[in-house]
Amino acid sequence: MTRLAGRVALVTGGGRGIGLSVVQRLAAEGARVVVNDLDPVPAEAAAKWVRDAGGEAIAYPGNVTHEDFPAGFIGEALSRFGDIHILVNNAGYVWNGPMHKISDTQWDATQDVHLKAPFRILREMHGFLETRVIEERAAGMGLHRKVVNVSSVAATGGTAGQANYSAAKAGLHGLTKSLAKEWGPLAVNVNCVAFGYIDTRLTQEISGETVVMIEGEARRVGLTRALIEAVKARIALGRSGTPDEAAGGVLLFCLPESDYITGQILEVDGGLAN
């Protein structure tokens, strides 16, 4: 299948879980992929998977919250592939706790990775975008570019113990809808996918070993058994989703079939009742 042949796709957090499945789905449709992950090993492994399957991909490891990340990420894509057609803002993690125990550091870190980082990457992308669209239209060319922001049903329905995460993802919804209006004249479709309970390392049952390492600092992630069971009981399909199923929701917004869809929040949650 080559519905994305010749397109260049950038995916943050693409080395593991849902992000890796997104990379694989986009590559299977013919896209050339720039894979970001916080850690170099999974980023390169994902890029190698694409190359071994006959596609084109490069790794760009790094922390999306760093000030110099957007320019480097966008610049590397343009240097290696000469264009950007798809951007998937997927990087993130959960750092849960009851609201009255969330520290300023915990709050700010969550906002930075889920909301500020996508904003800064998109802001950096605009400089290339506006110039390229003018050139294409002068040459009689026209195509749609796609932005997909990854969110959560925690933003649409709220989740106890995730006030920081819910707030950040809800902010991403506002960013999505506003940018869809700003970038519509540039033929850029900006949409958002809000995931429900998807089986990844971030949604497994909390234990002493359930952590992510952020520049040498271990941050405990995961959900309590009680919360997992409560969520599963409200899913119409009766089960959690797989990363590949989650990636299918992202792919929908990247294909030509979605060229007249923008500013939308799609819940991919198996029918999770609020």
C-alpha atoms as a PDB file:
ATOM      1  CA  MET A   1       0.000   0.000   0.000  1.00  0.00           C
ATOM      2  CA  THR A   2       1.472   3.335  -1.035  1.00  0.00           C
ATOM      3  CA  ARG A   3      -1.094   5.995  -0.215  1.00  0.00           C
ATOM      4  CA  LEU A   4       1.703   8.025   1.416  1.00  0.00           C
ATOM      5  CA  ALA A   5       4.416   7.350  -1.159  1.00  0.00           C
ATOM      6  CA  GLY A   6       6.857  10.241  -1.320  1.00  0.00           C
ATOM      7  CA  ARG A   7       5.540  11.862   1.848  1.00  0.00           C
ATOM      8  CA  VAL A   8       7.859  12.724   4.743  1.00  0.00           C
ATOM      9  CA  ALA A   9       6.514  12.006   8.219  1.00  0.00           C
ATOM     10  CA  LEU A  10       7.945  13.144  11.561  1.00  0.00           C
ATOM     11  CA  VAL A  11       6.960  11.228  14.694  1.00  0.00           C
ATOM     12  CA  THR A  12       7.961  12.206  18.220  1.00  0.00           C
ATOM     13  CA  GLY A  13       8.130   9.441  20.794  1.00  0.00           C
ATOM     14  CA  GLY A  14       8.318   6.969  17.931  1.00  0.00           C
ATOM     15  CA  GLY A  15      10.619   4.362  19.445  1.00  0.00           C
ATOM     16  CA  ARG A  16       8.162   2.514  21.637  1.00  0.00           C
ATOM     17  CA  GLY A  17       4.503   1.701  22.180  1.00  0.00           C
ATOM     18  CA  ILE A  18       1.941   3.645  20.186  1.00  0.00           C
ATOM     19  CA  GLY A  19       4.627   5.812  18.570  1.00  0.00           C
ATOM     20  CA  LEU A  20       6.443   2.790  17.187  1.00  0.00           C
ATOM     21  CA  SER A  21       3.195   1.435  15.747  1.00  0.00           C
ATOM     22  CA  VAL A  22       2.543   4.837  14.147  1.00  0.00           C
ATOM     23  CA  VAL A  23       5.999   4.774  12.554  1.00  0.00           C
ATOM     24  CA  GLN A  24       5.379   1.283  11.201  1.00  0.00           C
ATOM     25  CA  ARG A  25       1.920   2.150   9.866  1.00  0.00           C
ATOM     26  CA  LEU A  26       3.151   5.283   8.089  1.00  0.00           C
ATOM     27  CA  ALA A  27       6.151   3.458   6.612  1.00  0.00           C
ATOM     28  CA  ALA A  28       3.926   0.621   5.400  1.00  0.00           C
ATOM     29  CA  GLU A  29       1.963   3.227   3.437  1.00  0.00           C
ATOM     30  CA  GLY A  30       5.161   4.451   1.775  1.00  0.00           C
ATOM     31  CA  ALA A  31       6.108   7.428   3.945  1.00  0.00           C
ATOM     32  CA  ARG A  32       9.722   8.296   4.672  1.00  0.00           C
ATOM     33  CA  VAL A  33       9.986   8.700   8.436  1.00  0.00           C
ATOM     34  CA  VAL A  34      12.024  10.742  10.892  1.00  0.00           C
ATOM     35  CA  VAL A  35      11.803   8.881  14.195  1.00  0.00           C
ATOM     36  CA  ASN A  36      12.316  10.742  17.440  1.00  0.00           C
ATOM     37  CA  ASP A  37      12.610   9.129  20.838  1.00  0.00           C
ATOM     38  CA  LEU A  38      14.065  10.310  24.105  1.00  0.00           C
ATOM     39  CA  ASP A  39      16.596   7.473  23.949  1.00  0.00           C
ATOM     40  CA  PRO A  40      18.840   6.744  20.938  1.00  0.00           C
ATOM     41  CA  VAL A  41      18.518   2.945  21.023  1.00  0.00           C
ATOM     42  CA  PRO A  42      14.745   2.637  20.455  1.00  0.00           C
ATOM     43  CA  ALA A  43      14.798   5.529  17.968  1.00  0.00           C
ATOM     44  CA  GLU A  44      17.431   3.816  15.836  1.00  0.00           C
ATOM     45  CA  ALA A  45      15.751   0.416  16.233  1.00  0.00           C
ATOM     46  CA  ALA A  46      12.494   1.846  14.876  1.00  0.00           C
ATOM     47  CA  ALA A  47      14.283   3.476  11.947  1.00  0.00           C
ATOM     48  CA  LYS A  48      16.126   0.244  11.231  1.00  0.00           C
ATOM     49  CA  TRP A  49      12.820  -1.662  11.229  1.00  0.00           C
ATOM     50  CA  VAL A  50      11.589   0.637   8.470  1.00  0.00           C
ATOM     51  CA  ARG A  51      14.792   0.312   6.453  1.00  0.00           C
ATOM     52  CA  ASP A  52      14.822  -3.481   6.834  1.00  0.00           C
ATOM     53  CA  ALA A  53      11.264  -3.520   5.500  1.00  0.00           C
ATOM     54  CA  GLY A  54      12.423  -1.652   2.389  1.00  0.00           C
ATOM     55  CA  GLY A  55      11.499   1.868   3.448  1.00  0.00           C
ATOM     56  CA  GLU A  56      13.406   5.026   4.294  1.00  0.00           C
ATOM     57  CA  ALA A  57      13.860   6.292   7.831  1.00  0.00           C
ATOM     58  CA  ILE A  58      16.319   8.096  10.073  1.00  0.00           C
ATOM     59  CA  ALA A  59      16.506   8.421  13.838  1.00  0.00           C
ATOM     60  CA  TYR A  60      16.561  11.761  15.620  1.00  0.00           C
ATOM     61  CA  PRO A  61      16.852  11.071  19.364  1.00  0.00           C
ATOM     62  CA  GLY A  62      16.404  13.839  21.880  1.00  0.00           C
ATOM     63  CA  ASN A  63      14.209  15.440  24.499  1.00  0.00           C
ATOM     64  CA  VAL A  64      11.301  17.292  22.883  1.00  0.00           C
ATOM     65  CA  THR A  65      11.213  19.756  25.777  1.00  0.00           C
ATOM     66  CA  HIS A  66      14.716  21.081  25.143  1.00  0.00           C
ATOM     67  CA  GLU A  67      14.891  24.576  23.716  1.00  0.00           C
ATOM     68  CA  ASP A  68      17.002  23.594  20.727  1.00  0.00           C
ATOM     69  CA  PHE A  69      14.972  20.497  19.837  1.00  0.00           C
ATOM     70  CA  PRO A  70      12.422  22.006  17.393  1.00  0.00           C
ATOM     71  CA  ALA A  71      15.013  23.642  15.133  1.00  0.00           C
ATOM     72  CA  GLY A  72      17.147  20.498  15.090  1.00  0.00           C
ATOM     73  CA  PHE A  73      14.222  18.165  14.445  1.00  0.00           C
ATOM     74  CA  ILE A  74      12.692  20.210  11.643  1.00  0.00           C
ATOM     75  CA  GLY A  75      16.115  21.030  10.214  1.00  0.00           C
ATOM     76  CA  GLU A  76      17.210  17.394  10.094  1.00  0.00           C
ATOM     77  CA  ALA A  77      14.037  16.366   8.275  1.00  0.00           C
ATOM     78  CA  LEU A  78      14.515  19.062   5.654  1.00  0.00           C
ATOM     79  CA  SER A  79      18.221  18.336   5.304  1.00  0.00           C
ATOM     80  CA  ARG A  80      17.719  14.600   4.781  1.00  0.00           C
ATOM     81  CA  PHE A  81      14.401  14.465   2.944  1.00  0.00           C
ATOM     82  CA  GLY A  82      13.768  18.013   1.703  1.00  0.00           C
ATOM     83  CA  ASP A  83      10.159  18.317   2.858  1.00  0.00           C
ATOM     84  CA  ILE A  84       7.673  17.729   5.649  1.00  0.00           C
ATOM     85  CA  HIS A  85       4.173  16.441   4.944  1.00  0.00           C
ATOM     86  CA  ILE A  86       3.113  14.830   8.217  1.00  0.00           C
ATOM     87  CA  LEU A  87       3.876  15.672  11.838  1.00  0.00           C
ATOM     88  CA  VAL A  88       2.679  13.441  14.678  1.00  0.00           C
ATOM     89  CA  ASN A  89       3.156  14.970  18.132  1.00  0.00           C
ATOM     90  CA  ASN A  90       3.131  11.791  20.186  1.00  0.00           C
ATOM     91  CA  ALA A  91       5.923  12.066  22.776  1.00  0.00           C
ATOM     92  CA  GLY A  92       4.886  12.063  26.400  1.00  0.00           C
ATOM     93  CA  TYR A  93       4.493  10.186  29.646  1.00  0.00           C
ATOM     94  CA  VAL A  94       2.259  10.271  32.717  1.00  0.00           C
ATOM     95  CA  TRP A  95       3.381  11.420  36.142  1.00  0.00           C
ATOM     96  CA  ASN A  96       0.298  10.859  38.235  1.00  0.00           C
ATOM     97  CA  GLY A  97      -0.813  11.866  41.701  1.00  0.00           C
ATOM     98  CA  PRO A  98      -3.744  13.414  43.550  1.00  0.00           C
ATOM     99  CA  MET A  99      -3.991  17.084  42.705  1.00  0.00           C
ATOM    100  CA  HIS A 100      -3.098  18.322  46.195  1.00  0.00           C
ATOM    101  CA  LYS A 101       0.153  16.341  46.073  1.00  0.00           C
ATOM    102  CA  ILE A 102       1.276  17.411  42.583  1.00  0.00           C
ATOM    103  CA  SER A 103       4.376  19.584  42.892  1.00  0.00           C
ATOM    104  CA  ASP A 104       5.136  22.565  40.685  1.00  0.00           C
ATOM    105  CA  THR A 105       7.926  20.524  39.120  1.00  0.00           C
ATOM    106  CA  GLN A 106       5.536  17.668  38.355  1.00  0.00           C
ATOM    107  CA  TRP A 107       2.932  20.066  36.916  1.00  0.00           C
ATOM    108  CA  ASP A 108       5.424  21.992  34.781  1.00  0.00           C
ATOM    109  CA  ALA A 109       7.105  18.858  33.436  1.00  0.00           C
ATOM    110  CA  THR A 110       3.741  17.498  32.304  1.00  0.00           C
ATOM    111  CA  GLN A 111       2.728  20.733  30.603  1.00  0.00           C
ATOM    112  CA  ASP A 112       6.139  21.008  28.949  1.00  0.00           C
ATOM    113  CA  VAL A 113       6.116  17.602  27.274  1.00  0.00           C
ATOM    114  CA  HIS A 114       2.440  17.381  26.327  1.00  0.00           C
ATOM    115  CA  LEU A 115       1.597  20.968  25.405  1.00  0.00           C
ATOM    116  CA  LYS A 116       4.570  23.304  25.191  1.00  0.00           C
ATOM    117  CA  ALA A 117       6.739  20.911  23.146  1.00  0.00           C
ATOM    118  CA  PRO A 118       4.118  20.405  20.390  1.00  0.00           C
ATOM    119  CA  PHE A 119       3.517  24.175  20.307  1.00  0.00           C
ATOM    120  CA  ARG A 120       7.217  24.913  19.877  1.00  0.00           C
ATOM    121  CA  ILE A 121       7.702  22.238  17.192  1.00  0.00           C
ATOM    122  CA  LEU A 122       4.709  23.571  15.258  1.00  0.00           C
ATOM    123  CA  ARG A 123       5.931  27.145  15.602  1.00  0.00           C
ATOM    124  CA  GLU A 124       9.304  26.105  14.182  1.00  0.00           C
ATOM    125  CA  MET A 125       7.630  24.243  11.325  1.00  0.00           C
ATOM    126  CA  HIS A 126       5.683  27.308  10.217  1.00  0.00           C
ATOM    127  CA  GLY A 127       8.731  29.092   8.806  1.00  0.00           C
ATOM    128  CA  PHE A 128       9.319  26.305   6.303  1.00  0.00           C
ATOM    129  CA  LEU A 129       5.647  25.713   5.696  1.00  0.00           C
ATOM    130  CA  GLU A 130       4.583  29.169   4.624  1.00  0.00           C
ATOM    131  CA  THR A 131       7.462  29.553   2.162  1.00  0.00           C
ATOM    132  CA  ARG A 132       7.016  26.076   0.673  1.00  0.00           C
ATOM    133  CA  VAL A 133       3.265  26.454   0.151  1.00  0.00           C
ATOM    134  CA  ILE A 134       3.770  29.747  -1.691  1.00  0.00           C
ATOM    135  CA  GLU A 135       6.348  28.076  -3.950  1.00  0.00           C
ATOM    136  CA  GLU A 136       4.104  25.096  -4.633  1.00  0.00           C
ATOM    137  CA  ARG A 137       1.094  27.199  -5.498  1.00  0.00           C
ATOM    138  CA  ALA A 138       3.151  29.398  -7.804  1.00  0.00           C
ATOM    139  CA  ALA A 139       4.167  26.207  -9.609  1.00  0.00           C
ATOM    140  CA  GLY A 140       0.571  25.083  -9.886  1.00  0.00           C
ATOM    141  CA  MET A 141       0.963  22.384  -7.257  1.00  0.00           C
ATOM    142  CA  GLY A 142      -1.376  21.683  -4.393  1.00  0.00           C
ATOM    143  CA  LEU A 143      -1.351  19.124  -1.618  1.00  0.00           C
ATOM    144  CA  HIS A 144      -2.520  18.706   1.935  1.00  0.00           C
ATOM    145  CA  ARG A 145      -0.131  18.400   4.833  1.00  0.00           C
ATOM    146  CA  LYS A 146      -1.178  16.762   8.085  1.00  0.00           C
ATOM    147  CA  VAL A 147      -0.621  17.454  11.769  1.00  0.00           C
ATOM    148  CA  VAL A 148      -1.873  14.901  14.284  1.00  0.00           C
ATOM    149  CA  ASN A 149      -1.646  15.720  17.976  1.00  0.00           C
ATOM    150  CA  VAL A 150      -1.910  12.788  20.359  1.00  0.00           C
ATOM    151  CA  SER A 151      -4.195  13.317  23.320  1.00  0.00           C
ATOM    152  CA  SER A 152      -6.221  11.256  25.768  1.00  0.00           C
ATOM    153  CA  VAL A 153      -9.754  10.729  27.016  1.00  0.00           C
ATOM    154  CA  ALA A 154      -8.342  12.117  30.263  1.00  0.00           C
ATOM    155  CA  ALA A 155      -8.770  15.486  28.529  1.00  0.00           C
ATOM    156  CA  THR A 156     -12.318  14.886  27.283  1.00  0.00           C
ATOM    157  CA  GLY A 157     -13.703  13.227  30.412  1.00  0.00           C
ATOM    158  CA  GLY A 158     -11.172  13.842  33.163  1.00  0.00           C
ATOM    159  CA  THR A 159      -9.350  11.236  35.237  1.00  0.00           C
ATOM    160  CA  ALA A 160      -8.842  11.267  38.983  1.00  0.00           C
ATOM    161  CA  GLY A 161      -5.152  11.375  39.811  1.00  0.00           C
ATOM    162  CA  GLN A 162      -4.232  12.941  36.466  1.00  0.00           C
ATOM    163  CA  ALA A 163      -5.141  16.607  36.860  1.00  0.00           C
ATOM    164  CA  ASN A 164      -1.816  17.706  35.395  1.00  0.00           C
ATOM    165  CA  TYR A 165      -2.036  15.305  32.449  1.00  0.00           C
ATOM    166  CA  SER A 166      -5.723  16.020  31.797  1.00  0.00           C
ATOM    167  CA  ALA A 167      -5.098  19.766  31.790  1.00  0.00           C
ATOM    168  CA  ALA A 168      -2.151  19.505  29.412  1.00  0.00           C
ATOM    169  CA  LYS A 169      -4.032  17.284  26.963  1.00  0.00           C
ATOM    170  CA  ALA A 170      -7.106  19.543  27.114  1.00  0.00           C
ATOM    171  CA  GLY A 171      -4.816  22.441  26.215  1.00  0.00           C
ATOM    172  CA  LEU A 172      -3.665  20.424  23.226  1.00  0.00           C
ATOM    173  CA  HIS A 173      -7.286  20.275  22.056  1.00  0.00           C
ATOM    174  CA  GLY A 174      -7.455  24.065  22.071  1.00  0.00           C
ATOM    175  CA  LEU A 175      -4.162  24.273  20.204  1.00  0.00           C
ATOM    176  CA  THR A 176      -5.450  21.792  17.616  1.00  0.00           C
ATOM    177  CA  LYS A 177      -8.688  23.654  16.939  1.00  0.00           C
ATOM    178  CA  SER A 178      -7.043  27.079  16.792  1.00  0.00           C
ATOM    179  CA  LEU A 179      -4.242  25.927  14.510  1.00  0.00           C
ATOM    180  CA  ALA A 180      -6.718  24.193  12.203  1.00  0.00           C
ATOM    181  CA  LYS A 181      -8.190  27.642  11.547  1.00  0.00           C
ATOM    182  CA  GLU A 182      -4.829  29.403  11.233  1.00  0.00           C
ATOM    183  CA  TRP A 183      -3.261  26.801   8.938  1.00  0.00           C
ATOM    184  CA  GLY A 184      -6.356  25.927   6.918  1.00  0.00           C
ATOM    185  CA  PRO A 185      -5.425  28.515   4.254  1.00  0.00           C
ATOM    186  CA  LEU A 186      -2.096  26.680   3.901  1.00  0.00           C
ATOM    187  CA  ALA A 187      -3.949  23.394   3.231  1.00  0.00           C
ATOM    188  CA  VAL A 188      -2.746  21.885   6.483  1.00  0.00           C
ATOM    189  CA  ASN A 189      -5.167  19.586   8.263  1.00  0.00           C
ATOM    190  CA  VAL A 190      -4.703  19.738  12.038  1.00  0.00           C
ATOM    191  CA  ASN A 191      -6.465  17.050  14.043  1.00  0.00           C
ATOM    192  CA  CYS A 192      -6.166  15.282  17.368  1.00  0.00           C
ATOM    193  CA  VAL A 193      -6.550  11.664  18.473  1.00  0.00           C
ATOM    194  CA  ALA A 194      -7.605  11.062  22.081  1.00  0.00           C
ATOM    195  CA  PHE A 195      -6.732   7.563  23.247  1.00  0.00           C
ATOM    196  CA  GLY A 196      -8.502   5.520  25.871  1.00  0.00           C
ATOM    197  CA  TYR A 197      -6.943   2.564  27.662  1.00  0.00           C
ATOM    198  CA  ILE A 198      -4.174   1.274  25.375  1.00  0.00           C
ATOM    199  CA  ASP A 199      -1.750  -1.441  26.514  1.00  0.00           C
ATOM    200  CA  THR A 200       1.664   0.239  26.831  1.00  0.00           C
ATOM    201  CA  ARG A 201       4.335   0.468  29.510  1.00  0.00           C
ATOM    202  CA  LEU A 202       2.744   3.745  30.650  1.00  0.00           C
ATOM    203  CA  THR A 203      -0.613   2.126  31.397  1.00  0.00           C
ATOM    204  CA  GLN A 204       0.539  -1.090  33.067  1.00  0.00           C
ATOM    205  CA  GLU A 205      -0.107  -1.669  36.742  1.00  0.00           C
ATOM    206  CA  ILE A 206       2.070   0.460  38.969  1.00  0.00           C
ATOM    207  CA  SER A 207       4.971  -1.296  40.640  1.00  0.00           C
ATOM    208  CA  GLY A 208       8.323  -0.254  42.021  1.00  0.00           C
ATOM    209  CA  GLU A 209       9.874  -0.932  38.630  1.00  0.00           C
ATOM    210  CA  THR A 210       7.311   0.910  36.526  1.00  0.00           C
ATOM    211  CA  VAL A 211       9.331   3.996  35.698  1.00  0.00           C
ATOM    212  CA  VAL A 212      10.524   6.086  32.809  1.00  0.00           C
ATOM    213  CA  MET A 213      13.968   7.634  32.884  1.00  0.00           C
ATOM    214  CA  ILE A 214      14.032  11.336  32.032  1.00  0.00           C
ATOM    215  CA  GLU A 215      17.666  12.385  31.686  1.00  0.00           C
ATOM    216  CA  GLY A 216      18.786  10.148  34.503  1.00  0.00           C
ATOM    217  CA  GLU A 217      15.803  10.783  36.779  1.00  0.00           C
ATOM    218  CA  ALA A 218      13.362   7.908  37.397  1.00  0.00           C
ATOM    219  CA  ARG A 219       9.721   8.939  37.283  1.00  0.00           C
ATOM    220  CA  ARG A 220       7.118   6.452  38.440  1.00  0.00           C
ATOM    221  CA  VAL A 221       4.380   5.808  35.901  1.00  0.00           C
ATOM    222  CA  GLY A 222       1.490   3.425  35.441  1.00  0.00           C
ATOM    223  CA  LEU A 223      -1.981   3.013  36.925  1.00  0.00           C
ATOM    224  CA  THR A 224      -3.291   1.380  40.054  1.00  0.00           C
ATOM    225  CA  ARG A 225      -5.001  -2.001  39.715  1.00  0.00           C
ATOM    226  CA  ALA A 226      -8.268  -0.469  40.948  1.00  0.00           C
ATOM    227  CA  LEU A 227      -8.166   2.236  38.285  1.00  0.00           C
ATOM    228  CA  ILE A 228      -7.313  -0.263  35.530  1.00  0.00           C
ATOM    229  CA  GLU A 229     -10.253  -2.495  36.444  1.00  0.00           C
ATOM    230  CA  ALA A 230     -12.612   0.475  36.729  1.00  0.00           C
ATOM    231  CA  VAL A 231     -11.633   1.738  33.277  1.00  0.00           C
ATOM    232  CA  LYS A 232     -11.902  -1.668  31.609  1.00  0.00           C
ATOM    233  CA  ALA A 233     -15.383  -2.149  33.044  1.00  0.00           C
ATOM    234  CA  ARG A 234     -16.562   0.946  31.152  1.00  0.00           C
ATOM    235  CA  ILE A 235     -15.204  -0.054  27.716  1.00  0.00           C
ATOM    236  CA  ALA A 236     -17.991  -1.099  25.336  1.00  0.00           C
ATOM    237  CA  LEU A 237     -15.718  -3.510  23.478  1.00  0.00           C
ATOM    238  CA  GLY A 238     -14.783  -5.108  26.768  1.00  0.00           C
ATOM    239  CA  ARG A 239     -11.017  -4.881  26.463  1.00  0.00           C
ATOM    240  CA  SER A 240      -8.069  -2.535  26.236  1.00  0.00           C
ATOM    241  CA  GLY A 241      -6.680  -1.507  22.867  1.00  0.00           C
ATOM    242  CA  THR A 242      -3.394  -2.465  21.261  1.00  0.00           C
ATOM    243  CA  PRO A 243      -0.750   0.041  20.123  1.00  0.00           C
ATOM    244  CA  ASP A 244      -1.441  -0.990  16.525  1.00  0.00           C
ATOM    245  CA  GLU A 245      -5.145  -0.247  16.940  1.00  0.00           C
ATOM    246  CA  ALA A 246      -4.283   3.118  18.442  1.00  0.00           C
ATOM    247  CA  ALA A 247      -1.963   3.881  15.537  1.00  0.00           C
ATOM    248  CA  GLY A 248      -4.825   3.190  13.156  1.00  0.00           C
ATOM    249  CA  GLY A 249      -6.595   6.259  14.500  1.00  0.00           C
ATOM    250  CA  VAL A 250      -3.542   8.412  13.774  1.00  0.00           C
ATOM    251  CA  LEU A 251      -3.173   6.931  10.293  1.00  0.00           C
ATOM    252  CA  LEU A 252      -6.743   7.942   9.401  1.00  0.00           C
ATOM    253  CA  PHE A 253      -5.802  11.608   9.761  1.00  0.00           C
ATOM    254  CA  CYS A 254      -2.616  11.190   7.694  1.00  0.00           C
ATOM    255  CA  LEU A 255      -4.186   9.678   4.576  1.00  0.00           C
ATOM    256  CA  PRO A 256      -5.539  11.577   1.547  1.00  0.00           C
ATOM    257  CA  GLU A 257      -9.012  10.351   2.507  1.00  0.00           C
ATOM    258  CA  SER A 258      -8.983  12.888   5.379  1.00  0.00           C
ATOM    259  CA  ASP A 259      -8.113  15.927   3.244  1.00  0.00           C
ATOM    260  CA  TYR A 260     -11.428  17.631   4.107  1.00  0.00           C
ATOM    261  CA  ILE A 261     -11.303  16.864   7.832  1.00  0.00           C
ATOM    262  CA  THR A 262      -9.648  19.346  10.170  1.00  0.00           C
ATOM    263  CA  GLY A 263      -9.959  20.657  13.706  1.00  0.00           C
ATOM    264  CA  GLN A 264     -11.394  17.391  15.001  1.00  0.00           C
ATOM    265  CA  ILE A 265     -10.844  15.405  18.204  1.00  0.00           C
ATOM    266  CA  LEU A 266     -11.235  11.674  17.507  1.00  0.00           C
ATOM    267  CA  GLU A 267     -11.641   9.416  20.531  1.00  0.00           C
ATOM    268  CA  VAL A 268     -10.056   6.013  19.968  1.00  0.00           C
ATOM    269  CA  ASP A 269     -11.190   4.238  23.111  1.00  0.00           C
ATOM    270  CA  GLY A 270     -13.260   1.146  22.290  1.00  0.00           C
ATOM    271  CA  GLY A 271     -16.433   2.945  23.398  1.00  0.00           C
ATOM    272  CA  LEU A 272     -15.237   4.081  26.823  1.00  0.00           C
ATOM    273  CA  ALA A 273     -18.097   5.604  28.776  1.00  0.00           C
ATOM    274  CA  ASN A 274     -17.344   8.769  30.744  1.00  0.00           C
END
